[in-house]
Amino acid sequence: MDVYAGNKLVKRFIKIDKLSTAYGTNDNRPRPYRYGYGYDDKNFNFKVDKGEKKVYFEFSDYSTSYIFYENDEAK
């Protein structure tokens, strides 16, 4: 999954093994975002290199352009 800011590639997730719709805990209704797990391809070479880890990410169904992702370097 490629993430762009305008025409510039800013984030890439590869080898995504799960991509799901979020559902509410109490009402079991679909939420307006998707979530998944994949490798953070930091150098955009489509390969899992040393130091590139599997992370959680989510993105909106709306036109709001955001993506949340786990930052494995923030410790």
N, C-alpha and C. Protein backbone atom coordinates (compact mmCIF):
# COMPACT_ATOMS: atom_id res chain seq x y z
N MET A 1 0.85 -1.15 0.00
CA MET A 1 0.00 0.00 0.00
C MET A 1 0.90 1.23 0.00
N ASP A 2 0.71 2.06 -0.97
CA ASP A 2 1.50 3.29 -1.09
C ASP A 2 0.69 4.47 -0.57
N VAL A 3 1.35 5.37 0.12
CA VAL A 3 0.73 6.58 0.66
C VAL A 3 1.45 7.77 0.03
N TYR A 4 0.66 8.66 -0.57
CA TYR A 4 1.22 9.83 -1.25
C TYR A 4 0.78 11.12 -0.55
N ALA A 5 1.64 12.10 -0.57
CA ALA A 5 1.32 13.48 -0.20
C ALA A 5 1.47 14.27 -1.49
N GLY A 6 0.35 14.56 -2.12
CA GLY A 6 0.40 15.15 -3.46
C GLY A 6 0.91 14.09 -4.42
N ASN A 7 1.98 14.37 -5.12
CA ASN A 7 2.54 13.39 -6.05
C ASN A 7 3.80 12.72 -5.50
N LYS A 8 4.10 12.92 -4.20
CA LYS A 8 5.30 12.36 -3.59
C LYS A 8 4.95 11.14 -2.72
N LEU A 9 5.65 10.04 -2.95
CA LEU A 9 5.49 8.85 -2.14
C LEU A 9 6.10 9.09 -0.77
N VAL A 10 5.31 8.94 0.30
CA VAL A 10 5.81 9.23 1.65
C VAL A 10 5.82 8.02 2.57
N LYS A 11 5.09 6.95 2.24
CA LYS A 11 5.04 5.77 3.10
C LYS A 11 4.62 4.59 2.25
N ARG A 12 5.21 3.43 2.54
CA ARG A 12 4.83 2.20 1.82
C ARG A 12 4.79 1.05 2.82
N PHE A 13 3.70 0.29 2.77
CA PHE A 13 3.56 -0.93 3.54
C PHE A 13 3.52 -2.10 2.57
N ILE A 14 4.31 -3.14 2.86
CA ILE A 14 4.37 -4.30 1.98
C ILE A 14 4.05 -5.56 2.78
N LYS A 15 3.81 -6.64 2.05
CA LYS A 15 3.48 -7.94 2.65
C LYS A 15 2.36 -7.79 3.68
N ILE A 16 1.31 -7.11 3.27
CA ILE A 16 0.16 -6.91 4.15
C ILE A 16 -0.58 -8.23 4.27
N ASP A 17 -0.70 -8.72 5.50
CA ASP A 17 -1.35 -10.02 5.68
C ASP A 17 -2.76 -9.89 6.24
N LYS A 18 -3.17 -8.67 6.57
CA LYS A 18 -4.52 -8.47 7.06
C LYS A 18 -4.94 -7.05 6.74
N LEU A 19 -6.12 -6.90 6.16
CA LEU A 19 -6.71 -5.60 5.91
C LEU A 19 -8.19 -5.76 6.18
N SER A 20 -8.70 -5.08 7.20
CA SER A 20 -10.07 -5.31 7.67
C SER A 20 -10.81 -4.00 7.91
N THR A 21 -12.13 -4.11 7.91
CA THR A 21 -12.99 -3.00 8.31
C THR A 21 -13.16 -3.05 9.82
N ALA A 22 -13.07 -1.92 10.47
CA ALA A 22 -13.27 -1.86 11.92
C ALA A 22 -14.77 -1.89 12.21
N TYR A 23 -15.16 -2.56 13.29
CA TYR A 23 -16.54 -2.63 13.74
C TYR A 23 -16.64 -2.17 15.18
N GLY A 24 -17.77 -1.53 15.51
CA GLY A 24 -17.99 -1.04 16.87
C GLY A 24 -18.13 -2.18 17.86
N THR A 25 -17.65 -1.95 19.07
CA THR A 25 -17.73 -2.95 20.12
C THR A 25 -19.16 -3.18 20.58
N ASN A 26 -19.90 -2.11 20.79
CA ASN A 26 -21.26 -2.23 21.32
C ASN A 26 -22.34 -2.36 20.26
N ASP A 27 -22.19 -1.70 19.14
CA ASP A 27 -23.24 -1.74 18.12
C ASP A 27 -22.92 -2.63 16.93
N ASN A 28 -21.69 -3.13 16.85
CA ASN A 28 -21.26 -4.01 15.76
C ASN A 28 -21.49 -3.41 14.37
N ARG A 29 -21.47 -2.10 14.28
CA ARG A 29 -21.63 -1.42 13.00
C ARG A 29 -20.26 -1.09 12.43
N PRO A 30 -20.13 -1.10 11.11
CA PRO A 30 -18.83 -0.78 10.50
C PRO A 30 -18.40 0.65 10.79
N ARG A 31 -17.14 0.82 11.03
CA ARG A 31 -16.55 2.13 11.29
C ARG A 31 -15.93 2.65 10.00
N PRO A 32 -15.73 3.98 9.91
CA PRO A 32 -15.25 4.57 8.64
C PRO A 32 -13.74 4.50 8.46
N TYR A 33 -13.15 3.38 8.84
CA TYR A 33 -11.72 3.22 8.57
C TYR A 33 -11.38 1.75 8.41
N ARG A 34 -10.25 1.52 7.79
CA ARG A 34 -9.72 0.16 7.61
C ARG A 34 -8.43 0.07 8.40
N TYR A 35 -8.07 -1.15 8.78
CA TYR A 35 -6.81 -1.34 9.50
C TYR A 35 -6.12 -2.59 8.98
N GLY A 36 -4.84 -2.65 9.22
CA GLY A 36 -4.09 -3.80 8.74
C GLY A 36 -2.74 -3.91 9.40
N TYR A 37 -2.03 -4.94 8.99
CA TYR A 37 -0.67 -5.20 9.45
C TYR A 37 0.20 -5.45 8.23
N GLY A 38 1.34 -4.80 8.19
CA GLY A 38 2.27 -4.98 7.09
C GLY A 38 3.63 -4.44 7.47
N TYR A 39 4.59 -4.69 6.62
CA TYR A 39 5.95 -4.23 6.87
C TYR A 39 6.12 -2.79 6.37
N ASP A 40 6.78 -1.98 7.19
CA ASP A 40 7.09 -0.60 6.85
C ASP A 40 8.32 -0.60 5.93
N ASP A 41 8.08 -0.40 4.64
CA ASP A 41 9.16 -0.42 3.64
C ASP A 41 9.83 0.96 3.61
N LYS A 42 10.75 1.18 4.52
CA LYS A 42 11.33 2.51 4.72
C LYS A 42 12.10 3.04 3.52
N ASN A 43 12.71 2.17 2.73
CA ASN A 43 13.49 2.64 1.57
C ASN A 43 12.77 2.41 0.24
N PHE A 44 11.50 2.03 0.29
CA PHE A 44 10.64 1.90 -0.89
C PHE A 44 11.18 0.95 -1.96
N ASN A 45 11.80 -0.15 -1.53
CA ASN A 45 12.37 -1.08 -2.51
C ASN A 45 11.56 -2.37 -2.66
N PHE A 46 10.38 -2.42 -2.06
CA PHE A 46 9.47 -3.57 -2.12
C PHE A 46 10.03 -4.84 -1.50
N LYS A 47 11.06 -4.72 -0.64
CA LYS A 47 11.64 -5.86 0.06
C LYS A 47 11.70 -5.56 1.55
N VAL A 48 11.58 -6.63 2.37
CA VAL A 48 11.73 -6.47 3.81
C VAL A 48 13.22 -6.56 4.12
N ASP A 49 13.79 -5.42 4.46
CA ASP A 49 15.21 -5.34 4.78
C ASP A 49 15.41 -5.39 6.29
N LYS A 50 16.64 -5.56 6.70
CA LYS A 50 16.98 -5.57 8.11
C LYS A 50 16.51 -4.27 8.75
N GLY A 51 15.82 -4.38 9.87
CA GLY A 51 15.31 -3.22 10.57
C GLY A 51 13.91 -2.80 10.18
N GLU A 52 13.37 -3.34 9.10
CA GLU A 52 12.01 -3.03 8.70
C GLU A 52 11.07 -4.05 9.35
N LYS A 53 10.18 -3.55 10.20
CA LYS A 53 9.34 -4.42 11.01
C LYS A 53 7.89 -4.37 10.60
N LYS A 54 7.16 -5.41 10.98
CA LYS A 54 5.72 -5.45 10.75
C LYS A 54 5.07 -4.49 11.74
N VAL A 55 4.16 -3.65 11.24
CA VAL A 55 3.51 -2.63 12.06
C VAL A 55 2.00 -2.63 11.80
N TYR A 56 1.28 -2.05 12.73
CA TYR A 56 -0.15 -1.83 12.61
C TYR A 56 -0.37 -0.48 11.92
N PHE A 57 -1.39 -0.39 11.05
CA PHE A 57 -1.73 0.89 10.42
C PHE A 57 -3.24 0.95 10.19
N GLU A 58 -3.75 2.16 10.05
CA GLU A 58 -5.16 2.35 9.72
C GLU A 58 -5.31 3.59 8.86
N PHE A 59 -6.35 3.56 8.02
CA PHE A 59 -6.61 4.71 7.15
C PHE A 59 -8.12 4.91 7.00
N SER A 60 -8.50 6.15 6.72
CA SER A 60 -9.90 6.57 6.69
C SER A 60 -10.58 6.18 5.37
N ASP A 61 -11.90 5.95 5.47
CA ASP A 61 -12.73 5.75 4.28
C ASP A 61 -13.17 7.07 3.68
N TYR A 62 -13.09 8.13 4.46
CA TYR A 62 -13.53 9.44 4.00
C TYR A 62 -12.45 10.11 3.17
N SER A 63 -12.79 11.26 2.66
CA SER A 63 -11.81 11.98 1.83
C SER A 63 -10.69 12.59 2.68
N THR A 64 -10.83 12.52 4.01
CA THR A 64 -9.76 13.00 4.88
C THR A 64 -8.53 12.14 4.63
N SER A 65 -7.44 12.78 4.28
CA SER A 65 -6.25 12.00 3.95
C SER A 65 -5.35 11.86 5.17
N TYR A 66 -5.58 10.81 5.92
CA TYR A 66 -4.70 10.52 7.05
C TYR A 66 -4.42 9.04 7.09
N ILE A 67 -3.33 8.71 7.71
CA ILE A 67 -3.01 7.32 7.99
C ILE A 67 -2.28 7.30 9.33
N PHE A 68 -2.74 6.43 10.21
CA PHE A 68 -2.06 6.21 11.47
C PHE A 68 -1.23 4.96 11.31
N TYR A 69 -0.05 4.96 11.91
CA TYR A 69 0.76 3.75 11.86
C TYR A 69 1.67 3.69 13.06
N GLU A 70 2.03 2.49 13.38
CA GLU A 70 2.92 2.22 14.51
C GLU A 70 4.33 2.64 14.13
N ASN A 71 4.97 3.43 14.97
CA ASN A 71 6.33 3.88 14.71
C ASN A 71 7.27 3.03 15.55
N ASP A 72 7.93 2.10 14.93
CA ASP A 72 8.81 1.18 15.67
C ASP A 72 10.10 1.83 16.14
N GLU A 73 10.35 3.09 15.75
CA GLU A 73 11.56 3.79 16.17
C GLU A 73 11.33 4.67 17.39
N ALA A 74 10.08 4.89 17.75
CA ALA A 74 9.76 5.77 18.89
C ALA A 74 9.77 4.95 20.18
N LYS A 75 10.89 4.95 20.86
CA LYS A 75 11.01 4.18 22.10
C LYS A 75 11.70 4.98 23.15
